[in-house]
PDB file of N, CA and C in Angstrom:
ATOM      1  N   MET A   1     -13.458  11.619   6.042  1.00  0.00           N
ATOM      2  CA  MET A   1     -12.092  12.053   5.863  1.00  0.00           C
ATOM      3  C   MET A   1     -12.033  12.829   4.546  1.00  0.00           C
ATOM      4  N   ASN A   2     -11.442  14.015   4.592  1.00  0.00           N
ATOM      5  CA  ASN A   2     -11.314  14.803   3.370  1.00  0.00           C
ATOM      6  C   ASN A   2     -10.078  14.336   2.583  1.00  0.00           C
ATOM      7  N   ASP A   3      -9.861  14.924   1.415  1.00  0.00           N
ATOM      8  CA  ASP A   3      -8.758  14.490   0.547  1.00  0.00           C
ATOM      9  C   ASP A   3      -7.389  14.664   1.207  1.00  0.00           C
ATOM     10  N   THR A   4      -7.192  15.752   1.927  1.00  0.00           N
ATOM     11  CA  THR A   4      -5.909  16.001   2.604  1.00  0.00           C
ATOM     12  C   THR A   4      -5.673  14.964   3.699  1.00  0.00           C
ATOM     13  N   GLU A   5      -6.707  14.686   4.478  1.00  0.00           N
ATOM     14  CA  GLU A   5      -6.598  13.668   5.535  1.00  0.00           C
ATOM     15  C   GLU A   5      -6.353  12.282   4.938  1.00  0.00           C
ATOM     16  N   ALA A   6      -7.015  11.994   3.815  1.00  0.00           N
ATOM     17  CA  ALA A   6      -6.843  10.699   3.154  1.00  0.00           C
ATOM     18  C   ALA A   6      -5.408  10.526   2.659  1.00  0.00           C
ATOM     19  N   ARG A   7      -4.844  11.573   2.070  1.00  0.00           N
ATOM     20  CA  ARG A   7      -3.455  11.510   1.599  1.00  0.00           C
ATOM     21  C   ARG A   7      -2.506  11.259   2.769  1.00  0.00           C
ATOM     22  N   LYS A   8      -2.695  11.968   3.861  1.00  0.00           N
ATOM     23  CA  LYS A   8      -1.848  11.802   5.048  1.00  0.00           C
ATOM     24  C   LYS A   8      -1.981  10.380   5.608  1.00  0.00           C
ATOM     25  N   PHE A   9      -3.218   9.883   5.674  1.00  0.00           N
ATOM     26  CA  PHE A   9      -3.455   8.526   6.148  1.00  0.00           C
ATOM     27  C   PHE A   9      -2.700   7.514   5.285  1.00  0.00           C
ATOM     28  N   LEU A  10      -2.815   7.640   3.967  1.00  0.00           N
ATOM     29  CA  LEU A  10      -2.127   6.709   3.067  1.00  0.00           C
ATOM     30  C   LEU A  10      -0.611   6.838   3.166  1.00  0.00           C
ATOM     31  N   GLU A  11      -0.112   8.060   3.266  1.00  0.00           N
ATOM     32  CA  GLU A  11       1.339   8.243   3.416  1.00  0.00           C
ATOM     33  C   GLU A  11       1.838   7.578   4.700  1.00  0.00           C
ATOM     34  N   ASP A  12       1.093   7.727   5.772  1.00  0.00           N
ATOM     35  CA  ASP A  12       1.476   7.088   7.044  1.00  0.00           C
ATOM     36  C   ASP A  12       1.388   5.564   6.938  1.00  0.00           C
ATOM     37  N   ALA A  13       0.307   5.080   6.329  1.00  0.00           N
ATOM     38  CA  ALA A  13       0.107   3.632   6.197  1.00  0.00           C
ATOM     39  C   ALA A  13       1.213   2.994   5.367  1.00  0.00           C
ATOM     40  N   PHE A  14       1.508   3.578   4.221  1.00  0.00           N
ATOM     41  CA  PHE A  14       2.528   3.007   3.345  1.00  0.00           C
ATOM     42  C   PHE A  14       3.931   3.238   3.889  1.00  0.00           C
ATOM     43  N   GLY A  15       4.128   4.339   4.596  1.00  0.00           N
ATOM     44  CA  GLY A  15       5.414   4.563   5.255  1.00  0.00           C
ATOM     45  C   GLY A  15       5.691   3.477   6.278  1.00  0.00           C
ATOM     46  N   THR A  16       4.665   3.128   7.044  1.00  0.00           N
ATOM     47  CA  THR A  16       4.802   2.044   8.022  1.00  0.00           C
ATOM     48  C   THR A  16       4.972   0.702   7.322  1.00  0.00           C
ATOM     49  N   LEU A  17       4.147   0.451   6.308  1.00  0.00           N
ATOM     50  CA  LEU A  17       4.188  -0.822   5.593  1.00  0.00           C
ATOM     51  C   LEU A  17       5.577  -1.110   5.028  1.00  0.00           C
ATOM     52  N   PHE A  18       6.211  -0.113   4.429  1.00  0.00           N
ATOM     53  CA  PHE A  18       7.501  -0.332   3.762  1.00  0.00           C
ATOM     54  C   PHE A  18       8.706  -0.016   4.633  1.00  0.00           C
ATOM     55  N   ASP A  19       8.485   0.393   5.870  1.00  0.00           N
ATOM     56  CA  ASP A  19       9.594   0.603   6.802  1.00  0.00           C
ATOM     57  C   ASP A  19      10.216  -0.757   7.112  1.00  0.00           C
ATOM     58  N   PRO A  20      11.522  -0.915   6.865  1.00  0.00           N
ATOM     59  CA  PRO A  20      12.160  -2.214   7.105  1.00  0.00           C
ATOM     60  C   PRO A  20      12.052  -2.688   8.553  1.00  0.00           C
ATOM     61  N   LYS A  21      11.837  -1.775   9.475  1.00  0.00           N
ATOM     62  CA  LYS A  21      11.777  -2.126  10.896  1.00  0.00           C
ATOM     63  C   LYS A  21      10.349  -2.313  11.413  1.00  0.00           C
ATOM     64  N   SER A  22       9.347  -2.071  10.559  1.00  0.00           N
ATOM     65  CA  SER A  22       7.968  -2.141  11.053  1.00  0.00           C
ATOM     66  C   SER A  22       7.571  -3.586  11.344  1.00  0.00           C
ATOM     67  N   THR A  23       6.701  -3.715  12.330  1.00  0.00           N
ATOM     68  CA  THR A  23       6.198  -5.024  12.741  1.00  0.00           C
ATOM     69  C   THR A  23       4.784  -5.216  12.196  1.00  0.00           C
ATOM     70  N   GLU A  24       4.314  -6.441  12.265  1.00  0.00           N
ATOM     71  CA  GLU A  24       2.942  -6.720  11.853  1.00  0.00           C
ATOM     72  C   GLU A  24       1.963  -5.916  12.716  1.00  0.00           C
ATOM     73  N   GLU A  25       2.241  -5.817  13.991  1.00  0.00           N
ATOM     74  CA  GLU A  25       1.380  -5.048  14.891  1.00  0.00           C
ATOM     75  C   GLU A  25       1.278  -3.591  14.436  1.00  0.00           C
ATOM     76  N   GLN A  26       2.375  -2.999  14.023  1.00  0.00           N
ATOM     77  CA  GLN A  26       2.365  -1.610  13.552  1.00  0.00           C
ATOM     78  C   GLN A  26       1.568  -1.478  12.255  1.00  0.00           C
ATOM     79  N   VAL A  27       1.722  -2.443  11.347  1.00  0.00           N
ATOM     80  CA  VAL A  27       0.988  -2.422  10.081  1.00  0.00           C
ATOM     81  C   VAL A  27      -0.509  -2.573  10.324  1.00  0.00           C
ATOM     82  N   LEU A  28      -0.876  -3.380  11.313  1.00  0.00           N
ATOM     83  CA  LEU A  28      -2.288  -3.591  11.622  1.00  0.00           C
ATOM     84  C   LEU A  28      -2.974  -2.354  12.202  1.00  0.00           C
ATOM     85  N   LYS A  29      -2.236  -1.321  12.508  1.00  0.00           N
ATOM     86  CA  LYS A  29      -2.857  -0.052  12.901  1.00  0.00           C
ATOM     87  C   LYS A  29      -3.530   0.600  11.700  1.00  0.00           C
ATOM     88  N   PHE A  30      -3.079   0.245  10.490  1.00  0.00           N
ATOM     89  CA  PHE A  30      -3.588   0.842   9.253  1.00  0.00           C
ATOM     90  C   PHE A  30      -4.381  -0.140   8.392  1.00  0.00           C
ATOM     91  N   PHE A  31      -4.067  -1.430   8.490  1.00  0.00           N
ATOM     92  CA  PHE A  31      -4.696  -2.456   7.662  1.00  0.00           C
ATOM     93  C   PHE A  31      -5.435  -3.443   8.570  1.00  0.00           C
ATOM     94  N   SER A  32      -6.687  -3.728   8.240  1.00  0.00           N
ATOM     95  CA  SER A  32      -7.488  -4.674   9.011  1.00  0.00           C
ATOM     96  C   SER A  32      -6.969  -6.098   8.810  1.00  0.00           C
ATOM     97  N   PRO A  33      -7.064  -6.944   9.840  1.00  0.00           N
ATOM     98  CA  PRO A  33      -6.704  -8.354   9.643  1.00  0.00           C
ATOM     99  C   PRO A  33      -7.657  -9.037   8.653  1.00  0.00           C
ATOM    100  N   LYS A  34      -8.808  -8.401   8.379  1.00  0.00           N
ATOM    101  CA  LYS A  34      -9.768  -8.925   7.397  1.00  0.00           C
ATOM    102  C   LYS A  34      -9.519  -8.352   5.996  1.00  0.00           C
ATOM    103  N   TYR A  35      -8.427  -7.617   5.844  1.00  0.00           N
ATOM    104  CA  TYR A  35      -8.043  -6.990   4.583  1.00  0.00           C
ATOM    105  C   TYR A  35      -8.039  -7.994   3.433  1.00  0.00           C
ATOM    106  N   VAL A  36      -8.596  -7.565   2.296  1.00  0.00           N
ATOM    107  CA  VAL A  36      -8.562  -8.345   1.060  1.00  0.00           C
ATOM    108  C   VAL A  36      -8.066  -7.426  -0.048  1.00  0.00           C
ATOM    109  N   GLN A  37      -7.091  -7.909  -0.783  1.00  0.00           N
ATOM    110  CA  GLN A  37      -6.507  -7.152  -1.883  1.00  0.00           C
ATOM    111  C   GLN A  37      -6.871  -7.839  -3.195  1.00  0.00           C
ATOM    112  N   ASP A  38      -7.474  -7.081  -4.122  1.00  0.00           N
ATOM    113  CA  ASP A  38      -7.703  -7.543  -5.487  1.00  0.00           C
ATOM    114  C   ASP A  38      -6.648  -6.844  -6.331  1.00  0.00           C
ATOM    115  N   LEU A  39      -5.592  -7.559  -6.647  1.00  0.00           N
ATOM    116  CA  LEU A  39      -4.459  -7.001  -7.387  1.00  0.00           C
ATOM    117  C   LEU A  39      -4.449  -7.578  -8.789  1.00  0.00           C
ATOM    118  N   ASN A  40      -4.758  -6.741  -9.761  1.00  0.00           N
ATOM    119  CA  ASN A  40      -4.800  -7.160 -11.159  1.00  0.00           C
ATOM    120  C   ASN A  40      -5.674  -8.398 -11.350  1.00  0.00           C
ATOM    121  N   GLY A  41      -6.767  -8.476 -10.562  1.00  0.00           N
ATOM    122  CA  GLY A  41      -7.721  -9.567 -10.700  1.00  0.00           C
ATOM    123  C   GLY A  41      -7.444 -10.791  -9.841  1.00  0.00           C
ATOM    124  N   LYS A  42      -6.368 -10.795  -9.075  1.00  0.00           N
ATOM    125  CA  LYS A  42      -6.062 -11.920  -8.192  1.00  0.00           C
ATOM    126  C   LYS A  42      -6.285 -11.480  -6.749  1.00  0.00           C
ATOM    127  N   LEU A  43      -6.938 -12.333  -5.940  1.00  0.00           N
ATOM    128  CA  LEU A  43      -7.280 -11.981  -4.559  1.00  0.00           C
ATOM    129  C   LEU A  43      -6.220 -12.469  -3.576  1.00  0.00           C
ATOM    130  N   TYR A  44      -5.926 -11.607  -2.601  1.00  0.00           N
ATOM    131  CA  TYR A  44      -4.961 -11.908  -1.548  1.00  0.00           C
ATOM    132  C   TYR A  44      -5.578 -11.556  -0.196  1.00  0.00           C
ATOM    133  N   THR A  45      -5.315 -12.380   0.802  1.00  0.00           N
ATOM    134  CA  THR A  45      -5.730 -12.088   2.172  1.00  0.00           C
ATOM    135  C   THR A  45      -4.706 -11.151   2.810  1.00  0.00           C
ATOM    136  N   PHE A  46      -5.001 -10.691   4.027  1.00  0.00           N
ATOM    137  CA  PHE A  46      -4.017  -9.879   4.741  1.00  0.00           C
ATOM    138  C   PHE A  46      -2.711 -10.657   4.889  1.00  0.00           C
ATOM    139  N   ARG A  47      -2.810 -11.934   5.247  1.00  0.00           N
ATOM    140  CA  ARG A  47      -1.601 -12.743   5.456  1.00  0.00           C
ATOM    141  C   ARG A  47      -0.781 -12.814   4.171  1.00  0.00           C
ATOM    142  N   ASP A  48      -1.437 -13.070   3.029  1.00  0.00           N
ATOM    143  CA  ASP A  48      -0.736 -13.109   1.738  1.00  0.00           C
ATOM    144  C   ASP A  48      -0.042 -11.773   1.467  1.00  0.00           C
ATOM    145  N   PHE A  49      -0.794 -10.697   1.661  1.00  0.00           N
ATOM    146  CA  PHE A  49      -0.304  -9.344   1.415  1.00  0.00           C
ATOM    147  C   PHE A  49       0.887  -9.025   2.317  1.00  0.00           C
ATOM    148  N   PHE A  50       0.719  -9.235   3.613  1.00  0.00           N
ATOM    149  CA  PHE A  50       1.780  -8.886   4.562  1.00  0.00           C
ATOM    150  C   PHE A  50       3.029  -9.728   4.316  1.00  0.00           C
ATOM    151  N   ASP A  51       2.855 -11.033   4.110  1.00  0.00           N
ATOM    152  CA  ASP A  51       4.009 -11.901   3.853  1.00  0.00           C
ATOM    153  C   ASP A  51       4.703 -11.519   2.547  1.00  0.00           C
ATOM    154  N   GLY A  52       3.928 -11.114   1.540  1.00  0.00           N
ATOM    155  CA  GLY A  52       4.518 -10.669   0.273  1.00  0.00           C
ATOM    156  C   GLY A  52       5.358  -9.416   0.440  1.00  0.00           C
ATOM    157  N   VAL A  53       4.831  -8.453   1.179  1.00  0.00           N
ATOM    158  CA  VAL A  53       5.581  -7.213   1.424  1.00  0.00           C
ATOM    159  C   VAL A  53       6.826  -7.512   2.264  1.00  0.00           C
ATOM    160  N   THR A  54       6.692  -8.379   3.260  1.00  0.00           N
ATOM    161  CA  THR A  54       7.840  -8.746   4.092  1.00  0.00           C
ATOM    162  C   THR A  54       8.939  -9.370   3.233  1.00  0.00           C
ATOM    163  N   GLY A  55       8.551 -10.235   2.303  1.00  0.00           N
ATOM    164  CA  GLY A  55       9.526 -10.837   1.388  1.00  0.00           C
ATOM    165  C   GLY A  55      10.182  -9.804   0.490  1.00  0.00           C
ATOM    166  N   MET A  56       9.384  -8.853  -0.007  1.00  0.00           N
ATOM    167  CA  MET A  56       9.938  -7.794  -0.859  1.00  0.00           C
ATOM    168  C   MET A  56      10.941  -6.949  -0.090  1.00  0.00           C
ATOM    169  N   LYS A  57      10.640  -6.651   1.163  1.00  0.00           N
ATOM    170  CA  LYS A  57      11.540  -5.800   1.952  1.00  0.00           C
ATOM    171  C   LYS A  57      12.906  -6.463   2.133  1.00  0.00           C
ATOM    172  N   LYS A  58      12.957  -7.781   2.085  1.00  0.00           N
ATOM    173  CA  LYS A  58      14.230  -8.491   2.199  1.00  0.00           C
ATOM    174  C   LYS A  58      15.052  -8.397   0.916  1.00  0.00           C
ATOM    175  N   GLN A  59      14.375  -8.190  -0.216  1.00  0.00           N
ATOM    176  CA  GLN A  59      15.045  -8.137  -1.511  1.00  0.00           C
ATOM    177  C   GLN A  59      15.430  -6.722  -1.933  1.00  0.00           C
ATOM    178  N   PHE A  60      14.873  -5.720  -1.263  1.00  0.00           N
ATOM    179  CA  PHE A  60      15.074  -4.336  -1.671  1.00  0.00           C
ATOM    180  C   PHE A  60      15.765  -3.543  -0.572  1.00  0.00           C
ATOM    181  N   SER A  61      16.595  -2.605  -1.000  1.00  0.00           N
ATOM    182  CA  SER A  61      17.297  -1.771  -0.019  1.00  0.00           C
ATOM    183  C   SER A  61      16.542  -0.476   0.271  1.00  0.00           C
ATOM    184  N   SER A  62      15.625  -0.077  -0.638  1.00  0.00           N
ATOM    185  CA  SER A  62      14.846   1.131  -0.381  1.00  0.00           C
ATOM    186  C   SER A  62      13.560   1.127  -1.195  1.00  0.00           C
ATOM    187  N   PHE A  63      12.557   1.821  -0.648  1.00  0.00           N
ATOM    188  CA  PHE A  63      11.267   2.011  -1.302  1.00  0.00           C
ATOM    189  C   PHE A  63      10.903   3.486  -1.212  1.00  0.00           C
ATOM    190  N   LYS A  64      10.318   3.995  -2.279  1.00  0.00           N
ATOM    191  CA  LYS A  64       9.765   5.350  -2.255  1.00  0.00           C
ATOM    192  C   LYS A  64       8.378   5.271  -2.880  1.00  0.00           C
ATOM    193  N   VAL A  65       7.380   5.751  -2.143  1.00  0.00           N
ATOM    194  CA  VAL A  65       6.003   5.766  -2.629  1.00  0.00           C
ATOM    195  C   VAL A  65       5.561   7.217  -2.710  1.00  0.00           C
ATOM    196  N   LYS A  66       5.098   7.629  -3.906  1.00  0.00           N
ATOM    197  CA  LYS A  66       4.620   9.000  -4.091  1.00  0.00           C
ATOM    198  C   LYS A  66       3.173   8.953  -4.579  1.00  0.00           C
ATOM    199  N   PHE A  67       2.286   9.540  -3.790  1.00  0.00           N
ATOM    200  CA  PHE A  67       0.884   9.612  -4.165  1.00  0.00           C
ATOM    201  C   PHE A  67       0.693  10.802  -5.091  1.00  0.00           C
ATOM    202  N   THR A  68       0.233  10.524  -6.305  1.00  0.00           N
ATOM    203  CA  THR A  68       0.071  11.597  -7.292  1.00  0.00           C
ATOM    204  C   THR A  68      -1.357  12.134  -7.331  1.00  0.00           C
ATOM    205  N   SER A  69      -2.320  11.282  -6.952  1.00  0.00           N
ATOM    206  CA  SER A  69      -3.726  11.696  -6.893  1.00  0.00           C
ATOM    207  C   SER A  69      -4.401  10.977  -5.739  1.00  0.00           C
ATOM    208  N   VAL A  70      -5.173  11.727  -4.961  1.00  0.00           N
ATOM    209  CA  VAL A  70      -5.940  11.134  -3.860  1.00  0.00           C
ATOM    210  C   VAL A  70      -7.276  11.870  -3.778  1.00  0.00           C
ATOM    211  N   VAL A  71      -8.363  11.091  -3.839  1.00  0.00           N
ATOM    212  CA  VAL A  71      -9.708  11.638  -3.709  1.00  0.00           C
ATOM    213  C   VAL A  71     -10.464  10.743  -2.744  1.00  0.00           C
ATOM    214  N   SER A  72     -11.096  11.351  -1.754  1.00  0.00           N
ATOM    215  CA  SER A  72     -11.817  10.593  -0.736  1.00  0.00           C
ATOM    216  C   SER A  72     -13.297  10.934  -0.786  1.00  0.00           C
ATOM    217  N   SER A  73     -14.116   9.877  -0.673  1.00  0.00           N
ATOM    218  CA  SER A  73     -15.559  10.060  -0.618  1.00  0.00           C
ATOM    219  C   SER A  73     -16.138   8.966   0.271  1.00  0.00           C
ATOM    220  N   GLY A  74     -16.758   9.375   1.354  1.00  0.00           N
ATOM    221  CA  GLY A  74     -17.316   8.393   2.276  1.00  0.00           C
ATOM    222  C   GLY A  74     -16.222   7.487   2.823  1.00  0.00           C
ATOM    223  N   ASN A  75     -16.405   6.187   2.662  1.00  0.00           N
ATOM    224  CA  ASN A  75     -15.436   5.213   3.167  1.00  0.00           C
ATOM    225  C   ASN A  75     -14.492   4.701   2.079  1.00  0.00           C
ATOM    226  N   THR A  76     -14.347   5.463   0.995  1.00  0.00           N
ATOM    227  CA  THR A  76     -13.503   5.042  -0.111  1.00  0.00           C
ATOM    228  C   THR A  76     -12.467   6.117  -0.429  1.00  0.00           C
ATOM    229  N   ILE A  77     -11.249   5.659  -0.644  1.00  0.00           N
ATOM    230  CA  ILE A  77     -10.183   6.550  -1.121  1.00  0.00           C
ATOM    231  C   ILE A  77      -9.751   6.035  -2.487  1.00  0.00           C
ATOM    232  N   ALA A  78      -9.900   6.876  -3.499  1.00  0.00           N
ATOM    233  CA  ALA A  78      -9.383   6.568  -4.831  1.00  0.00           C
ATOM    234  C   ALA A  78      -8.027   7.244  -4.933  1.00  0.00           C
ATOM    235  N   GLU A  79      -7.044   6.487  -5.398  1.00  0.00           N
ATOM    236  CA  GLU A  79      -5.706   7.068  -5.420  1.00  0.00           C
ATOM    237  C   GLU A  79      -4.843   6.453  -6.510  1.00  0.00           C
ATOM    238  N   VAL A  80      -3.835   7.219  -6.872  1.00  0.00           N
ATOM    239  CA  VAL A  80      -2.797   6.773  -7.791  1.00  0.00           C
ATOM    240  C   VAL A  80      -1.471   7.034  -7.104  1.00  0.00           C
ATOM    241  N   HIS A  81      -0.592   6.029  -7.122  1.00  0.00           N
ATOM    242  CA  HIS A  81       0.739   6.245  -6.571  1.00  0.00           C
ATOM    243  C   HIS A  81       1.786   5.556  -7.429  1.00  0.00           C
ATOM    244  N   VAL A  82       3.002   6.052  -7.306  1.00  0.00           N
ATOM    245  CA  VAL A  82       4.141   5.496  -8.026  1.00  0.00           C
ATOM    246  C   VAL A  82       5.117   4.962  -6.990  1.00  0.00           C
ATOM    247  N   VAL A  83       5.568   3.743  -7.228  1.00  0.00           N
ATOM    248  CA  VAL A  83       6.539   3.102  -6.340  1.00  0.00           C
ATOM    249  C   VAL A  83       7.864   2.995  -7.080  1.00  0.00           C
ATOM    250  N   GLN A  84       8.907   3.458  -6.420  1.00  0.00           N
ATOM    251  CA  GLN A  84      10.263   3.271  -6.917  1.00  0.00           C
ATOM    252  C   GLN A  84      11.012   2.502  -5.843  1.00  0.00           C
ATOM    253  N   ALA A  85      11.716   1.461  -6.265  1.00  0.00           N
ATOM    254  CA  ALA A  85      12.441   0.650  -5.293  1.00  0.00           C
ATOM    255  C   ALA A  85      13.800   0.263  -5.869  1.00  0.00           C
ATOM    256  N   LEU A  86      14.753   0.145  -4.972  1.00  0.00           N
ATOM    257  CA  LEU A  86      16.104  -0.254  -5.339  1.00  0.00           C
ATOM    258  C   LEU A  86      16.362  -1.622  -4.735  1.00  0.00           C
ATOM    259  N   LYS A  87      16.676  -2.576  -5.601  1.00  0.00           N
ATOM    260  CA  LYS A  87      16.976  -3.928  -5.132  1.00  0.00           C
ATOM    261  C   LYS A  87      18.357  -3.954  -4.492  1.00  0.00           C
ATOM    262  N   SER A  88      18.563  -4.952  -3.677  1.00  0.00           N
ATOM    263  CA  SER A  88      19.849  -5.096  -2.991  1.00  0.00           C
ATOM    264  C   SER A  88      21.001  -5.250  -3.973  1.00  0.00           C
ATOM    265  N   ASP A  89      20.732  -5.771  -5.175  1.00  0.00           N
ATOM    266  CA  ASP A  89      21.783  -5.936  -6.186  1.00  0.00           C
ATOM    267  C   ASP A  89      22.050  -4.659  -6.980  1.00  0.00           C
ATOM    268  N   GLY A  90      21.329  -3.577  -6.657  1.00  0.00           N
ATOM    269  CA  GLY A  90      21.535  -2.296  -7.311  1.00  0.00           C
ATOM    270  C   GLY A  90      20.562  -2.002  -8.438  1.00  0.00           C
ATOM    271  N   SER A  91      19.805  -2.989  -8.902  1.00  0.00           N
ATOM    272  CA  SER A  91      18.830  -2.739  -9.959  1.00  0.00           C
ATOM    273  C   SER A  91      17.598  -2.046  -9.373  1.00  0.00           C
ATOM    274  N   ALA A  92      16.865  -1.374 -10.233  1.00  0.00           N
ATOM    275  CA  ALA A  92      15.722  -0.578  -9.783  1.00  0.00           C
ATOM    276  C   ALA A  92      14.444  -1.040 -10.463  1.00  0.00           C
ATOM    277  N   ILE A  93      13.315  -0.817  -9.782  1.00  0.00           N
ATOM    278  CA  ILE A  93      12.006  -1.033 -10.385  1.00  0.00           C
ATOM    279  C   ILE A  93      11.162   0.211 -10.131  1.00  0.00           C
ATOM    280  N   LYS A  94      10.195   0.401 -11.017  1.00  0.00           N
ATOM    281  CA  LYS A  94       9.276   1.526 -10.870  1.00  0.00           C
ATOM    282  C   LYS A  94       7.942   1.080 -11.454  1.00  0.00           C
ATOM    283  N   PHE A  95       6.871   1.318 -10.715  1.00  0.00           N
ATOM    284  CA  PHE A  95       5.553   0.987 -11.236  1.00  0.00           C
ATOM    285  C   PHE A  95       4.508   1.953 -10.704  1.00  0.00           C
ATOM    286  N   LYS A  96       3.396   2.026 -11.445  1.00  0.00           N
ATOM    287  CA  LYS A  96       2.278   2.902 -11.089  1.00  0.00           C
ATOM    288  C   LYS A  96       1.124   2.033 -10.620  1.00  0.00           C
ATOM    289  N   VAL A  97       0.449   2.500  -9.569  1.00  0.00           N
ATOM    290  CA  VAL A  97      -0.687   1.790  -8.993  1.00  0.00           C
ATOM    291  C   VAL A  97      -1.899   2.717  -9.006  1.00  0.00           C
ATOM    292  N   MET A  98      -3.025   2.191  -9.472  1.00  0.00           N
ATOM    293  CA  MET A  98      -4.302   2.890  -9.409  1.00  0.00           C
ATOM    294  C   MET A  98      -5.204   2.044  -8.526  1.00  0.00           C
ATOM    295  N   ALA A  99      -5.747   2.634  -7.453  1.00  0.00           N
ATOM    296  CA  ALA A  99      -6.456   1.818  -6.465  1.00  0.00           C
ATOM    297  C   ALA A  99      -7.645   2.535  -5.849  1.00  0.00           C
ATOM    298  N   PHE A 100      -8.597   1.707  -5.426  1.00  0.00           N
ATOM    299  CA  PHE A 100      -9.700   2.141  -4.585  1.00  0.00           C
ATOM    300  C   PHE A 100      -9.531   1.429  -3.249  1.00  0.00           C
ATOM    301  N   GLN A 101      -9.285   2.203  -2.207  1.00  0.00           N
ATOM    302  CA  GLN A 101      -9.086   1.670  -0.858  1.00  0.00           C
ATOM    303  C   GLN A 101     -10.405   1.797  -0.093  1.00  0.00           C
ATOM    304  N   ALA A 102     -10.875   0.689   0.489  1.00  0.00           N
ATOM    305  CA  ALA A 102     -12.082   0.704   1.321  1.00  0.00           C
ATOM    306  C   ALA A 102     -11.652   0.824   2.782  1.00  0.00           C
ATOM    307  N   ILE A 103     -12.218   1.798   3.483  1.00  0.00           N
ATOM    308  CA  ILE A 103     -11.851   2.089   4.868  1.00  0.00           C
ATOM    309  C   ILE A 103     -13.009   1.717   5.790  1.00  0.00           C
ATOM    310  N   ASP A 104     -12.683   1.046   6.904  1.00  0.00           N
ATOM    311  CA  ASP A 104     -13.681   0.730   7.913  1.00  0.00           C
ATOM    312  C   ASP A 104     -13.032   0.864   9.287  1.00  0.00           C
ATOM    313  N   LYS A 105     -13.646   1.638  10.143  1.00  0.00           N
ATOM    314  CA  LYS A 105     -13.135   1.847  11.505  1.00  0.00           C
ATOM    315  C   LYS A 105     -11.674   2.296  11.512  1.00  0.00           C
ATOM    316  N   GLY A 106     -11.341   3.172  10.562  1.00  0.00           N
ATOM    317  CA  GLY A 106     -10.012   3.773  10.538  1.00  0.00           C
ATOM    318  C   GLY A 106      -8.908   2.920   9.940  1.00  0.00           C
ATOM    319  N   ARG A 107      -9.284   1.776   9.342  1.00  0.00           N
ATOM    320  CA  ARG A 107      -8.267   0.912   8.730  1.00  0.00           C
ATOM    321  C   ARG A 107      -8.705   0.496   7.327  1.00  0.00           C
ATOM    322  N   ILE A 108      -7.724   0.165   6.514  1.00  0.00           N
ATOM    323  CA  ILE A 108      -8.003  -0.308   5.166  1.00  0.00           C
ATOM    324  C   ILE A 108      -8.463  -1.762   5.269  1.00  0.00           C
ATOM    325  N   VAL A 109      -9.666  -2.046   4.757  1.00  0.00           N
ATOM    326  CA  VAL A 109     -10.211  -3.399   4.817  1.00  0.00           C
ATOM    327  C   VAL A 109     -10.156  -4.092   3.460  1.00  0.00           C
ATOM    328  N   GLY A 110      -9.991  -3.314   2.424  1.00  0.00           N
ATOM    329  CA  GLY A 110      -9.911  -3.905   1.102  1.00  0.00           C
ATOM    330  C   GLY A 110      -9.416  -2.905   0.097  1.00  0.00           C
ATOM    331  N   VAL A 111      -8.878  -3.446  -0.980  1.00  0.00           N
ATOM    332  CA  VAL A 111      -8.418  -2.591  -2.077  1.00  0.00           C
ATOM    333  C   VAL A 111      -8.635  -3.328  -3.388  1.00  0.00           C
ATOM    334  N   GLU A 112      -9.036  -2.562  -4.363  1.00  0.00           N
ATOM    335  CA  GLU A 112      -9.088  -3.055  -5.736  1.00  0.00           C
ATOM    336  C   GLU A 112      -8.055  -2.222  -6.487  1.00  0.00           C
ATOM    337  N   GLU A 113      -7.036  -2.898  -7.014  1.00  0.00           N
ATOM    338  CA  GLU A 113      -5.952  -2.134  -7.636  1.00  0.00           C
ATOM    339  C   GLU A 113      -5.445  -2.791  -8.900  1.00  0.00           C
ATOM    340  N   VAL A 114      -4.913  -1.936  -9.742  1.00  0.00           N
ATOM    341  CA  VAL A 114      -4.238  -2.339 -10.967  1.00  0.00           C
ATOM    342  C   VAL A 114      -2.873  -1.674 -10.928  1.00  0.00           C
ATOM    343  N   ASN A 115      -1.845  -2.438 -11.247  1.00  0.00           N
ATOM    344  CA  ASN A 115      -0.535  -1.801 -11.335  1.00  0.00           C
ATOM    345  C   ASN A 115       0.160  -2.205 -12.619  1.00  0.00           C
ATOM    346  N   CYS A 116       1.075  -1.357 -13.014  1.00  0.00           N
ATOM    347  CA  CYS A 116       1.824  -1.619 -14.241  1.00  0.00           C
ATOM    348  C   CYS A 116       3.232  -1.068 -14.099  1.00  0.00           C
ATOM    349  N   PRO A 117       4.199  -1.755 -14.717  1.00  0.00           N
ATOM    350  CA  PRO A 117       5.574  -1.264 -14.646  1.00  0.00           C
ATOM    351  C   PRO A 117       5.735   0.007 -15.477  1.00  0.00           C
ATOM    352  N   LEU A 118       6.640   0.842 -15.040  1.00  0.00           N
ATOM    353  CA  LEU A 118       6.971   2.074 -15.789  1.00  0.00           C
ATOM    354  C   LEU A 118       8.398   1.970 -16.309  1.00  0.00           C
TER     355      LEU A 118
END
């Protein structure tokens, strides 16, 4: 997958992930059930990850994810994205994520990421 294809893949994956109406089945088109997330040094399974995002979607009225850098090589996508979200109470959050996404059979199987608030 070239850099343009990788960006499109990630935009589609995260668009589905943060869509308030998306189902687990739809998310699994992009993320493997064997997915492992290393987030700031803490490991999460697919179930932990999916349940966490599902909980966040209940607390937020909107999400915007903007990929600022995407580079693909072999089965790895290195990327930086910024997330802006509006909570149901009207407050906002914004953070930057730097990640290496591991791809296998067309789905994300793992990620090593660091994020920080902006």
